PDB file of N, CA and C in Angstrom:
ATOM      1  N   MET A   1      24.245 -34.836  57.928  1.00  0.00           N
ATOM      2  CA  MET A   1      23.171 -35.809  57.900  1.00  0.00           C
ATOM      3  C   MET A   1      21.973 -35.236  58.628  1.00  0.00           C
ATOM      4  N   GLN A   2      20.838 -35.607  58.144  1.00  0.00           N
ATOM      5  CA  GLN A   2      19.614 -35.131  58.756  1.00  0.00           C
ATOM      6  C   GLN A   2      19.240 -36.022  59.919  1.00  0.00           C
ATOM      7  N   GLY A   3      18.693 -35.381  60.928  1.00  0.00           N
ATOM      8  CA  GLY A   3      18.165 -36.152  62.038  1.00  0.00           C
ATOM      9  C   GLY A   3      16.713 -36.523  61.742  1.00  0.00           C
ATOM     10  N   HIS A   4      16.024 -36.907  62.748  1.00  0.00           N
ATOM     11  CA  HIS A   4      14.612 -37.219  62.567  1.00  0.00           C
ATOM     12  C   HIS A   4      13.839 -35.915  62.420  1.00  0.00           C
ATOM     13  N   THR A   5      13.201 -35.732  61.315  1.00  0.00           N
ATOM     14  CA  THR A   5      12.419 -34.524  61.090  1.00  0.00           C
ATOM     15  C   THR A   5      10.973 -34.907  60.851  1.00  0.00           C
ATOM     16  N   THR A   6      10.124 -34.085  61.323  1.00  0.00           N
ATOM     17  CA  THR A   6       8.687 -34.301  61.096  1.00  0.00           C
ATOM     18  C   THR A   6       8.096 -33.017  60.574  1.00  0.00           C
ATOM     19  N   LEU A   7       7.180 -33.143  59.679  1.00  0.00           N
ATOM     20  CA  LEU A   7       6.476 -31.998  59.129  1.00  0.00           C
ATOM     21  C   LEU A   7       5.076 -31.989  59.704  1.00  0.00           C
ATOM     22  N   SER A   8       4.660 -30.826  60.049  1.00  0.00           N
ATOM     23  CA  SER A   8       3.290 -30.756  60.554  1.00  0.00           C
ATOM     24  C   SER A   8       2.322 -30.941  59.399  1.00  0.00           C
ATOM     25  N   THR A   9       1.178 -31.415  59.702  1.00  0.00           N
ATOM     26  CA  THR A   9       0.198 -31.663  58.651  1.00  0.00           C
ATOM     27  C   THR A   9      -0.372 -30.379  58.111  1.00  0.00           C
ATOM     28  N   GLU A  10      -0.298 -29.303  58.889  1.00  0.00           N
ATOM     29  CA  GLU A  10      -0.834 -28.028  58.440  1.00  0.00           C
ATOM     30  C   GLU A  10       0.159 -27.282  57.555  1.00  0.00           C
ATOM     31  N   ALA A  11       1.452 -27.525  57.748  1.00  0.00           N
ATOM     32  CA  ALA A  11       2.457 -26.806  56.974  1.00  0.00           C
ATOM     33  C   ALA A  11       2.552 -27.402  55.579  1.00  0.00           C
ATOM     34  N   LYS A  12       2.759 -26.516  54.612  1.00  0.00           N
ATOM     35  CA  LYS A  12       2.882 -26.937  53.230  1.00  0.00           C
ATOM     36  C   LYS A  12       4.350 -27.246  52.938  1.00  0.00           C
ATOM     37  N   ASP A  13       4.605 -28.296  52.193  1.00  0.00           N
ATOM     38  CA  ASP A  13       5.985 -28.654  51.856  1.00  0.00           C
ATOM     39  C   ASP A  13       6.572 -27.597  50.925  1.00  0.00           C
ATOM     40  N   ASP A  14       7.762 -27.126  51.254  1.00  0.00           N
ATOM     41  CA  ASP A  14       8.448 -26.149  50.413  1.00  0.00           C
ATOM     42  C   ASP A  14       9.663 -26.830  49.798  1.00  0.00           C
ATOM     43  N   LEU A  15       9.430 -27.657  48.822  1.00  0.00           N
ATOM     44  CA  LEU A  15      10.519 -28.372  48.153  1.00  0.00           C
ATOM     45  C   LEU A  15      11.073 -27.603  46.966  1.00  0.00           C
ATOM     46  N   ASN A  16      10.459 -26.480  46.618  1.00  0.00           N
ATOM     47  CA  ASN A  16      10.947 -25.710  45.466  1.00  0.00           C
ATOM     48  C   ASN A  16      12.336 -25.126  45.739  1.00  0.00           C
ATOM     49  N   SER A  17      12.633 -24.774  46.970  1.00  0.00           N
ATOM     50  CA  SER A  17      13.935 -24.186  47.265  1.00  0.00           C
ATOM     51  C   SER A  17      15.048 -25.227  47.126  1.00  0.00           C
ATOM     52  N   ILE A  18      14.728 -26.506  47.311  1.00  0.00           N
ATOM     53  CA  ILE A  18      15.732 -27.558  47.183  1.00  0.00           C
ATOM     54  C   ILE A  18      16.037 -27.829  45.716  1.00  0.00           C
ATOM     55  N   ASN A  19      15.060 -27.754  44.861  1.00  0.00           N
ATOM     56  CA  ASN A  19      15.213 -28.136  43.459  1.00  0.00           C
ATOM     57  C   ASN A  19      15.566 -26.979  42.547  1.00  0.00           C
ATOM     58  N   LYS A  20      15.991 -25.841  43.085  1.00  0.00           N
ATOM     59  CA  LYS A  20      16.303 -24.691  42.234  1.00  0.00           C
ATOM     60  C   LYS A  20      17.457 -24.992  41.280  1.00  0.00           C
ATOM     61  N   GLY A  21      18.506 -25.677  41.759  1.00  0.00           N
ATOM     62  CA  GLY A  21      19.649 -25.965  40.902  1.00  0.00           C
ATOM     63  C   GLY A  21      19.284 -26.882  39.754  1.00  0.00           C
ATOM     64  N   ALA A  22      18.471 -27.911  40.025  1.00  0.00           N
ATOM     65  CA  ALA A  22      18.059 -28.828  38.973  1.00  0.00           C
ATOM     66  C   ALA A  22      17.166 -28.124  37.973  1.00  0.00           C
ATOM     67  N   GLU A  23      16.284 -27.267  38.449  1.00  0.00           N
ATOM     68  CA  GLU A  23      15.406 -26.527  37.539  1.00  0.00           C
ATOM     69  C   GLU A  23      16.223 -25.599  36.653  1.00  0.00           C
ATOM     70  N   LEU A  24      17.245 -24.957  37.250  1.00  0.00           N
ATOM     71  CA  LEU A  24      18.087 -24.048  36.472  1.00  0.00           C
ATOM     72  C   LEU A  24      18.831 -24.803  35.377  1.00  0.00           C
ATOM     73  N   MET A  25      19.362 -25.967  35.717  1.00  0.00           N
ATOM     74  CA  MET A  25      20.103 -26.746  34.721  1.00  0.00           C
ATOM     75  C   MET A  25      19.185 -27.259  33.625  1.00  0.00           C
ATOM     76  N   MET A  26      17.977 -27.625  33.980  1.00  0.00           N
ATOM     77  CA  MET A  26      17.053 -28.138  32.968  1.00  0.00           C
ATOM     78  C   MET A  26      16.503 -27.029  32.092  1.00  0.00           C
ATOM     79  N   SER A  27      16.454 -25.813  32.621  1.00  0.00           N
ATOM     80  CA  SER A  27      15.892 -24.715  31.834  1.00  0.00           C
ATOM     81  C   SER A  27      16.895 -24.124  30.861  1.00  0.00           C
ATOM     82  N   MET A  28      18.175 -24.359  31.074  1.00  0.00           N
ATOM     83  CA  MET A  28      19.188 -23.788  30.183  1.00  0.00           C
ATOM     84  C   MET A  28      19.130 -24.469  28.825  1.00  0.00           C
ATOM     85  N   LYS A  29      19.052 -23.693  27.811  1.00  0.00           N
ATOM     86  CA  LYS A  29      19.037 -24.204  26.439  1.00  0.00           C
ATOM     87  C   LYS A  29      20.446 -24.105  25.883  1.00  0.00           C
ATOM     88  N   ARG A  30      20.940 -25.179  25.425  1.00  0.00           N
ATOM     89  CA  ARG A  30      22.249 -25.164  24.796  1.00  0.00           C
ATOM     90  C   ARG A  30      22.056 -24.958  23.297  1.00  0.00           C
ATOM     91  N   PRO A  31      22.869 -24.123  22.720  1.00  0.00           N
ATOM     92  CA  PRO A  31      22.709 -23.880  21.277  1.00  0.00           C
ATOM     93  C   PRO A  31      23.126 -25.109  20.476  1.00  0.00           C
ATOM     94  N   VAL A  32      22.301 -25.457  19.533  1.00  0.00           N
ATOM     95  CA  VAL A  32      22.603 -26.561  18.639  1.00  0.00           C
ATOM     96  C   VAL A  32      23.104 -25.960  17.343  1.00  0.00           C
ATOM     97  N   SER A  33      24.305 -26.328  16.975  1.00  0.00           N
ATOM     98  CA  SER A  33      24.918 -25.748  15.791  1.00  0.00           C
ATOM     99  C   SER A  33      25.058 -26.817  14.716  1.00  0.00           C
ATOM    100  N   ASN A  34      24.574 -26.508  13.566  1.00  0.00           N
ATOM    101  CA  ASN A  34      24.736 -27.404  12.416  1.00  0.00           C
ATOM    102  C   ASN A  34      25.669 -26.772  11.399  1.00  0.00           C
ATOM    103  N   SER A  35      26.652 -26.058  11.878  1.00  0.00           N
ATOM    104  CA  SER A  35      27.543 -25.363  10.960  1.00  0.00           C
ATOM    105  C   SER A  35      28.456 -26.370  10.256  1.00  0.00           C
ATOM    106  N   PRO A  36      28.803 -26.108   9.004  1.00  0.00           N
ATOM    107  CA  PRO A  36      29.689 -27.023   8.268  1.00  0.00           C
ATOM    108  C   PRO A  36      31.102 -27.041   8.844  1.00  0.00           C
ATOM    109  N   LYS A  37      31.505 -25.960   9.529  1.00  0.00           N
ATOM    110  CA  LYS A  37      32.838 -25.927  10.119  1.00  0.00           C
ATOM    111  C   LYS A  37      32.985 -27.012  11.195  1.00  0.00           C
ATOM    112  N   LEU A  38      31.946 -27.226  11.982  1.00  0.00           N
ATOM    113  CA  LEU A  38      31.970 -28.253  13.008  1.00  0.00           C
ATOM    114  C   LEU A  38      32.041 -29.641  12.387  1.00  0.00           C
ATOM    115  N   LYS A  39      31.328 -29.861  11.305  1.00  0.00           N
ATOM    116  CA  LYS A  39      31.358 -31.163  10.641  1.00  0.00           C
ATOM    117  C   LYS A  39      32.726 -31.433  10.023  1.00  0.00           C
ATOM    118  N   LYS A  40      33.371 -30.424   9.455  1.00  0.00           N
ATOM    119  CA  LYS A  40      34.694 -30.609   8.880  1.00  0.00           C
ATOM    120  C   LYS A  40      35.704 -30.936   9.974  1.00  0.00           C
ATOM    121  N   ARG A  41      35.547 -30.298  11.118  1.00  0.00           N
ATOM    122  CA  ARG A  41      36.466 -30.577  12.214  1.00  0.00           C
ATOM    123  C   ARG A  41      36.300 -32.008  12.686  1.00  0.00           C
ATOM    124  N   SER A  42      35.084 -32.469  12.776  1.00  0.00           N
ATOM    125  CA  SER A  42      34.839 -33.842  13.199  1.00  0.00           C
ATOM    126  C   SER A  42      35.408 -34.810  12.166  1.00  0.00           C
ATOM    127  N   LYS A  43      35.235 -34.506  10.900  1.00  0.00           N
ATOM    128  CA  LYS A  43      35.772 -35.339   9.835  1.00  0.00           C
ATOM    129  C   LYS A  43      37.296 -35.342   9.887  1.00  0.00           C
ATOM    130  N   MET A  44      37.863 -34.167  10.164  1.00  0.00           N
ATOM    131  CA  MET A  44      39.315 -34.060  10.231  1.00  0.00           C
ATOM    132  C   MET A  44      39.861 -34.858  11.418  1.00  0.00           C
ATOM    133  N   GLU A  45      39.182 -34.834  12.543  1.00  0.00           N
ATOM    134  CA  GLU A  45      39.611 -35.622  13.689  1.00  0.00           C
ATOM    135  C   GLU A  45      39.589 -37.110  13.375  1.00  0.00           C
ATOM    136  N   GLN A  46      38.585 -37.540  12.632  1.00  0.00           N
ATOM    137  CA  GLN A  46      38.506 -38.951  12.237  1.00  0.00           C
ATOM    138  C   GLN A  46      39.669 -39.321  11.325  1.00  0.00           C
ATOM    139  N   ILE A  47      39.993 -38.452  10.400  1.00  0.00           N
ATOM    140  CA  ILE A  47      41.094 -38.728   9.468  1.00  0.00           C
ATOM    141  C   ILE A  47      42.424 -38.796  10.219  1.00  0.00           C
ATOM    142  N   VAL A  48      42.639 -37.860  11.134  1.00  0.00           N
ATOM    143  CA  VAL A  48      43.884 -37.847  11.906  1.00  0.00           C
ATOM    144  C   VAL A  48      43.982 -39.095  12.765  1.00  0.00           C
ATOM    145  N   LEU A  49      42.882 -39.509  13.361  1.00  0.00           N
ATOM    146  CA  LEU A  49      42.881 -40.709  14.184  1.00  0.00           C
ATOM    147  C   LEU A  49      43.201 -41.955  13.366  1.00  0.00           C
ATOM    148  N   VAL A  50      42.581 -42.093  12.208  1.00  0.00           N
ATOM    149  CA  VAL A  50      42.829 -43.260  11.349  1.00  0.00           C
ATOM    150  C   VAL A  50      44.270 -43.269  10.859  1.00  0.00           C
ATOM    151  N   LEU A  51      44.769 -42.123  10.436  1.00  0.00           N
ATOM    152  CA  LEU A  51      46.154 -42.062   9.964  1.00  0.00           C
ATOM    153  C   LEU A  51      47.139 -42.331  11.097  1.00  0.00           C
ATOM    154  N   GLY A  52      46.855 -41.818  12.281  1.00  0.00           N
ATOM    155  CA  GLY A  52      47.732 -42.053  13.421  1.00  0.00           C
ATOM    156  C   GLY A  52      47.810 -43.519  13.798  1.00  0.00           C
ATOM    157  N   VAL A  53      46.670 -44.196  13.826  1.00  0.00           N
ATOM    158  CA  VAL A  53      46.654 -45.623  14.151  1.00  0.00           C
ATOM    159  C   VAL A  53      47.369 -46.424  13.066  1.00  0.00           C
ATOM    160  N   THR A  54      47.123 -46.081  11.811  1.00  0.00           N
ATOM    161  CA  THR A  54      47.765 -46.796  10.705  1.00  0.00           C
ATOM    162  C   THR A  54      49.283 -46.627  10.745  1.00  0.00           C
ATOM    163  N   VAL A  55      49.743 -45.411  10.945  1.00  0.00           N
ATOM    164  CA  VAL A  55      51.192 -45.164  11.015  1.00  0.00           C
ATOM    165  C   VAL A  55      51.792 -45.884  12.210  1.00  0.00           C
ATOM    166  N   GLY A  56      51.089 -45.920  13.337  1.00  0.00           N
ATOM    167  CA  GLY A  56      51.581 -46.626  14.516  1.00  0.00           C
ATOM    168  C   GLY A  56      51.738 -48.113  14.276  1.00  0.00           C
ATOM    169  N   ILE A  57      50.740 -48.720  13.644  1.00  0.00           N
ATOM    170  CA  ILE A  57      50.807 -50.163  13.362  1.00  0.00           C
ATOM    171  C   ILE A  57      51.916 -50.462  12.353  1.00  0.00           C
ATOM    172  N   LEU A  58      52.040 -49.647  11.327  1.00  0.00           N
ATOM    173  CA  LEU A  58      53.094 -49.868  10.331  1.00  0.00           C
ATOM    174  C   LEU A  58      54.482 -49.678  10.954  1.00  0.00           C
ATOM    175  N   THR A  59      54.638 -48.696  11.836  1.00  0.00           N
ATOM    176  CA  THR A  59      55.920 -48.482  12.505  1.00  0.00           C
ATOM    177  C   THR A  59      56.277 -49.668  13.389  1.00  0.00           C
ATOM    178  N   LEU A  60      55.301 -50.183  14.118  1.00  0.00           N
ATOM    179  CA  LEU A  60      55.533 -51.357  14.956  1.00  0.00           C
ATOM    180  C   LEU A  60      55.936 -52.570  14.111  1.00  0.00           C
ATOM    181  N   GLY A  61      55.267 -52.791  12.991  1.00  0.00           N
ATOM    182  CA  GLY A  61      55.607 -53.911  12.109  1.00  0.00           C
ATOM    183  C   GLY A  61      56.987 -53.757  11.493  1.00  0.00           C
ATOM    184  N   LEU A  62      57.319 -52.557  11.064  1.00  0.00           N
ATOM    185  CA  LEU A  62      58.640 -52.317  10.477  1.00  0.00           C
ATOM    186  C   LEU A  62      59.738 -52.502  11.518  1.00  0.00           C
ATOM    187  N   GLY A  63      59.511 -52.026  12.739  1.00  0.00           N
ATOM    188  CA  GLY A  63      60.492 -52.199  13.806  1.00  0.00           C
ATOM    189  C   GLY A  63      60.699 -53.659  14.154  1.00  0.00           C
ATOM    190  N   ALA A  64      59.600 -54.433  14.191  1.00  0.00           N
ATOM    191  CA  ALA A  64      59.722 -55.865  14.493  1.00  0.00           C
ATOM    192  C   ALA A  64      60.487 -56.588  13.385  1.00  0.00           C
ATOM    193  N   THR A  65      60.223 -56.240  12.140  1.00  0.00           N
ATOM    194  CA  THR A  65      60.920 -56.878  11.016  1.00  0.00           C
ATOM    195  C   THR A  65      62.409 -56.547  11.028  1.00  0.00           C
ATOM    196  N   ILE A  66      62.743 -55.293  11.211  1.00  0.00           N
ATOM    197  CA  ILE A  66      64.151 -54.892  11.236  1.00  0.00           C
ATOM    198  C   ILE A  66      64.862 -55.529  12.433  1.00  0.00           C
ATOM    199  N   GLY A  67      64.203 -55.575  13.577  1.00  0.00           N
ATOM    200  CA  GLY A  67      64.793 -56.211  14.754  1.00  0.00           C
ATOM    201  C   GLY A  67      65.060 -57.687  14.539  1.00  0.00           C
ATOM    202  N   TYR A  68      64.121 -58.377  13.895  1.00  0.00           N
ATOM    203  CA  TYR A  68      64.299 -59.805  13.609  1.00  0.00           C
ATOM    204  C   TYR A  68      65.480 -60.021  12.653  1.00  0.00           C
ATOM    205  N   LEU A  69      65.586 -59.207  11.618  1.00  0.00           N
ATOM    206  CA  LEU A  69      66.682 -59.355  10.654  1.00  0.00           C
ATOM    207  C   LEU A  69      68.040 -59.070  11.312  1.00  0.00           C
ATOM    208  N   ILE A  70      68.101 -58.070  12.182  1.00  0.00           N
ATOM    209  CA  ILE A  70      69.360 -57.769  12.873  1.00  0.00           C
ATOM    210  C   ILE A  70      69.738 -58.917  13.810  1.00  0.00           C
ATOM    211  N   ARG A  71      68.759 -59.480  14.522  1.00  0.00           N
ATOM    212  CA  ARG A  71      69.033 -60.604  15.417  1.00  0.00           C
ATOM    213  C   ARG A  71      69.568 -61.806  14.634  1.00  0.00           C
ATOM    214  N   CYS A  72      68.965 -62.108  13.490  1.00  0.00           N
ATOM    215  CA  CYS A  72      69.446 -63.224  12.667  1.00  0.00           C
ATOM    216  C   CYS A  72      70.861 -62.968  12.177  1.00  0.00           C
ATOM    217  N   TYR A  73      71.147 -61.747  11.767  1.00  0.00           N
ATOM    218  CA  TYR A  73      72.485 -61.416  11.281  1.00  0.00           C
ATOM    219  C   TYR A  73      73.522 -61.571  12.394  1.00  0.00           C
ATOM    220  N   VAL A  74      73.203 -61.085  13.583  1.00  0.00           N
ATOM    221  CA  VAL A  74      74.146 -61.177  14.696  1.00  0.00           C
ATOM    222  C   VAL A  74      74.377 -62.629  15.088  1.00  0.00           C
ATOM    223  N   GLN A  75      73.347 -63.450  15.097  1.00  0.00           N
ATOM    224  CA  GLN A  75      73.518 -64.854  15.466  1.00  0.00           C
ATOM    225  C   GLN A  75      74.322 -65.624  14.426  1.00  0.00           C
ATOM    226  N   GLU A  76      74.199 -65.264  13.165  1.00  0.00           N
ATOM    227  CA  GLU A  76      74.947 -65.965  12.117  1.00  0.00           C
ATOM    228  C   GLU A  76      76.412 -65.537  12.069  1.00  0.00           C
ATOM    229  N   THR A  77      76.712 -64.309  12.428  1.00  0.00           N
ATOM    230  CA  THR A  77      78.084 -63.815  12.282  1.00  0.00           C
ATOM    231  C   THR A  77      78.932 -64.014  13.541  1.00  0.00           C
ATOM    232  N   THR A  78      78.346 -64.151  14.700  1.00  0.00           N
ATOM    233  CA  THR A  78      79.152 -64.353  15.910  1.00  0.00           C
ATOM    234  C   THR A  78      79.506 -65.827  16.052  1.00  0.00           C
ATOM    235  N   PRO A  79      80.735 -66.117  16.439  1.00  0.00           N
ATOM    236  CA  PRO A  79      81.124 -67.522  16.591  1.00  0.00           C
ATOM    237  C   PRO A  79      80.480 -68.129  17.835  1.00  0.00           C
ATOM    238  N   GLN A  80      80.131 -69.389  17.731  1.00  0.00           N
ATOM    239  CA  GLN A  80      79.538 -70.117  18.847  1.00  0.00           C
ATOM    240  C   GLN A  80      80.641 -70.896  19.558  1.00  0.00           C
ATOM    241  N   TYR A  81      80.891 -70.534  20.785  1.00  0.00           N
ATOM    242  CA  TYR A  81      81.945 -71.186  21.549  1.00  0.00           C
ATOM    243  C   TYR A  81      81.353 -72.353  22.333  1.00  0.00           C
ATOM    244  N   SER A  82      82.131 -73.388  22.463  1.00  0.00           N
ATOM    245  CA  SER A  82      81.709 -74.528  23.278  1.00  0.00           C
ATOM    246  C   SER A  82      82.933 -75.037  24.034  1.00  0.00           C
ATOM    247  N   HIS A  83      82.720 -75.987  24.903  1.00  0.00           N
ATOM    248  CA  HIS A  83      83.787 -76.501  25.742  1.00  0.00           C
ATOM    249  C   HIS A  83      84.785 -77.323  24.916  1.00  0.00           C
ATOM    250  N   PRO A  84      86.072 -77.070  25.050  1.00  0.00           N
ATOM    251  CA  PRO A  84      87.063 -77.804  24.259  1.00  0.00           C
ATOM    252  C   PRO A  84      87.198 -79.265  24.697  1.00  0.00           C
ATOM    253  N   GLU A  85      86.800 -79.611  25.890  1.00  0.00           N
ATOM    254  CA  GLU A  85      86.932 -81.005  26.324  1.00  0.00           C
ATOM    255  C   GLU A  85      85.888 -81.911  25.673  1.00  0.00           C
ATOM    256  N   MET A  86      84.966 -81.354  24.945  1.00  0.00           N
ATOM    257  CA  MET A  86      83.946 -82.161  24.270  1.00  0.00           C
ATOM    258  C   MET A  86      84.371 -82.557  22.856  1.00  0.00           C
ATOM    259  N   PHE A  87      85.570 -82.144  22.433  1.00  0.00           N
ATOM    260  CA  PHE A  87      86.028 -82.424  21.075  1.00  0.00           C
ATOM    261  C   PHE A  87      87.353 -83.183  21.109  1.00  0.00           C
ATOM    262  N   ASP A  88      87.594 -83.957  20.039  1.00  0.00           N
ATOM    263  CA  ASP A  88      88.875 -84.665  19.933  1.00  0.00           C
ATOM    264  C   ASP A  88      89.900 -83.760  19.251  1.00  0.00           C
ATOM    265  N   GLU A  89      91.037 -84.334  18.855  1.00  0.00           N
ATOM    266  CA  GLU A  89      92.109 -83.553  18.250  1.00  0.00           C
ATOM    267  C   GLU A  89      91.720 -82.948  16.907  1.00  0.00           C
ATOM    268  N   ASN A  90      90.781 -83.571  16.207  1.00  0.00           N
ATOM    269  CA  ASN A  90      90.364 -83.088  14.888  1.00  0.00           C
ATOM    270  C   ASN A  90      89.193 -82.113  14.957  1.00  0.00           C
ATOM    271  N   GLY A  91      88.649 -81.872  16.133  1.00  0.00           N
ATOM    272  CA  GLY A  91      87.523 -80.948  16.262  1.00  0.00           C
ATOM    273  C   GLY A  91      86.167 -81.617  16.170  1.00  0.00           C
ATOM    274  N   ASN A  92      86.154 -82.951  16.147  1.00  0.00           N
ATOM    275  CA  ASN A  92      84.884 -83.673  16.094  1.00  0.00           C
ATOM    276  C   ASN A  92      84.368 -83.914  17.521  1.00  0.00           C
ATOM    277  N   PRO A  93      83.051 -83.868  17.723  1.00  0.00           N
ATOM    278  CA  PRO A  93      82.527 -84.103  19.078  1.00  0.00           C
ATOM    279  C   PRO A  93      82.729 -85.540  19.515  1.00  0.00           C
ATOM    280  N   LEU A  94      82.899 -85.752  20.792  1.00  0.00           N
ATOM    281  CA  LEU A  94      83.091 -87.073  21.375  1.00  0.00           C
ATOM    282  C   LEU A  94      81.757 -87.575  21.935  1.00  0.00           C
ATOM    283  N   PRO A  95      81.021 -88.363  21.162  1.00  0.00           N
ATOM    284  CA  PRO A  95      79.711 -88.787  21.657  1.00  0.00           C
ATOM    285  C   PRO A  95      79.795 -89.895  22.701  1.00  0.00           C
ATOM    286  N   ASP A  96      80.847 -90.717  22.681  1.00  0.00           N
ATOM    287  CA  ASP A  96      80.916 -91.856  23.587  1.00  0.00           C
ATOM    288  C   ASP A  96      81.415 -91.476  24.978  1.00  0.00           C
ATOM    289  N   GLU A  97      82.245 -90.486  25.079  1.00  0.00           N
ATOM    290  CA  GLU A  97      82.860 -90.165  26.346  1.00  0.00           C
ATOM    291  C   GLU A  97      82.137 -89.071  27.113  1.00  0.00           C
ATOM    292  N   LEU A  98      81.042 -88.562  26.589  1.00  0.00           N
ATOM    293  CA  LEU A  98      80.288 -87.527  27.285  1.00  0.00           C
ATOM    294  C   LEU A  98      79.384 -88.158  28.325  1.00  0.00           C
ATOM    295  N   LEU A  99      79.256 -87.522  29.441  1.00  0.00           N
ATOM    296  CA  LEU A  99      78.446 -88.027  30.537  1.00  0.00           C
ATOM    297  C   LEU A  99      77.266 -87.090  30.740  1.00  0.00           C
ATOM    298  N   ALA A 100      76.071 -87.648  30.712  1.00  0.00           N
ATOM    299  CA  ALA A 100      74.863 -86.859  30.938  1.00  0.00           C
ATOM    300  C   ALA A 100      74.213 -87.340  32.219  1.00  0.00           C
ATOM    301  N   ILE A 101      73.906 -86.424  33.113  1.00  0.00           N
ATOM    302  CA  ILE A 101      73.273 -86.763  34.386  1.00  0.00           C
ATOM    303  C   ILE A 101      71.897 -86.108  34.419  1.00  0.00           C
ATOM    304  N   ARG A 102      70.912 -86.896  34.810  1.00  0.00           N
ATOM    305  CA  ARG A 102      69.553 -86.382  34.912  1.00  0.00           C
ATOM    306  C   ARG A 102      69.038 -86.626  36.318  1.00  0.00           C
ATOM    307  N   PHE A 103      68.609 -85.563  36.972  1.00  0.00           N
ATOM    308  CA  PHE A 103      68.079 -85.666  38.325  1.00  0.00           C
ATOM    309  C   PHE A 103      66.565 -85.751  38.257  1.00  0.00           C
ATOM    310  N   GLU A 104      65.993 -86.704  38.950  1.00  0.00           N
ATOM    311  CA  GLU A 104      64.551 -86.860  38.981  1.00  0.00           C
ATOM    312  C   GLU A 104      64.052 -86.606  40.389  1.00  0.00           C
ATOM    313  N   GLY A 105      62.819 -86.185  40.486  1.00  0.00           N
ATOM    314  CA  GLY A 105      62.217 -85.946  41.787  1.00  0.00           C
ATOM    315  C   GLY A 105      62.360 -84.491  42.186  1.00  0.00           C
ATOM    316  N   ASN A 106      61.909 -84.202  43.374  1.00  0.00           N
ATOM    317  CA  ASN A 106      61.937 -82.844  43.886  1.00  0.00           C
ATOM    318  C   ASN A 106      63.292 -82.581  44.541  1.00  0.00           C
ATOM    319  N   PRO A 107      64.084 -81.652  44.005  1.00  0.00           N
ATOM    320  CA  PRO A 107      65.413 -81.416  44.587  1.00  0.00           C
ATOM    321  C   PRO A 107      65.344 -80.698  45.932  1.00  0.00           C
ATOM    322  N   ASN A 108      64.218 -80.095  46.280  1.00  0.00           N
ATOM    323  CA  ASN A 108      64.086 -79.383  47.539  1.00  0.00           C
ATOM    324  C   ASN A 108      63.570 -80.289  48.674  1.00  0.00           C
ATOM    325  N   GLU A 109      63.418 -81.545  48.367  1.00  0.00           N
ATOM    326  CA  GLU A 109      62.870 -82.480  49.367  1.00  0.00           C
ATOM    327  C   GLU A 109      63.967 -82.843  50.362  1.00  0.00           C
ATOM    328  N   ASN A 110      63.709 -82.635  51.631  1.00  0.00           N
ATOM    329  CA  ASN A 110      64.671 -82.965  52.691  1.00  0.00           C
ATOM    330  C   ASN A 110      64.167 -84.159  53.465  1.00  0.00           C
ATOM    331  N   ASP A 111      65.030 -85.126  53.668  1.00  0.00           N
ATOM    332  CA  ASP A 111      64.666 -86.298  54.464  1.00  0.00           C
ATOM    333  C   ASP A 111      65.125 -86.066  55.899  1.00  0.00           C
ATOM    334  N   ASP A 112      64.195 -86.063  56.810  1.00  0.00           N
ATOM    335  CA  ASP A 112      64.515 -85.870  58.221  1.00  0.00           C
ATOM    336  C   ASP A 112      64.698 -87.204  58.953  1.00  0.00           C
ATOM    337  N   ASP A 113      64.499 -88.313  58.260  1.00  0.00           N
ATOM    338  CA  ASP A 113      64.591 -89.627  58.920  1.00  0.00           C
ATOM    339  C   ASP A 113      66.009 -89.987  59.252  1.00  0.00           C
TER     340      ASP A 113
END
């Protein structure tokens, strides 16, 4: 960090030595190429990008579809087990003898009274 600096009024500012790097960078000319090879490469990159995105989306859709079909098949073919005490001798559910309990309110509430 710079401290307090003062320039005398008689001395000329020598700021050219500070700006040499910026002047060098601004003076460099970069070659501009309009070659057809560069344009084909850019076109080819665009084609590869579009095809890559398209294949990715199609792969994701195909995987989701196959996964959904396999899940449906597994759910339909596996037997669903339930509690035997909920059925009578014939295998029919017992709607009258089932007990349903519903808790209301906050179960974490403690009464200190």
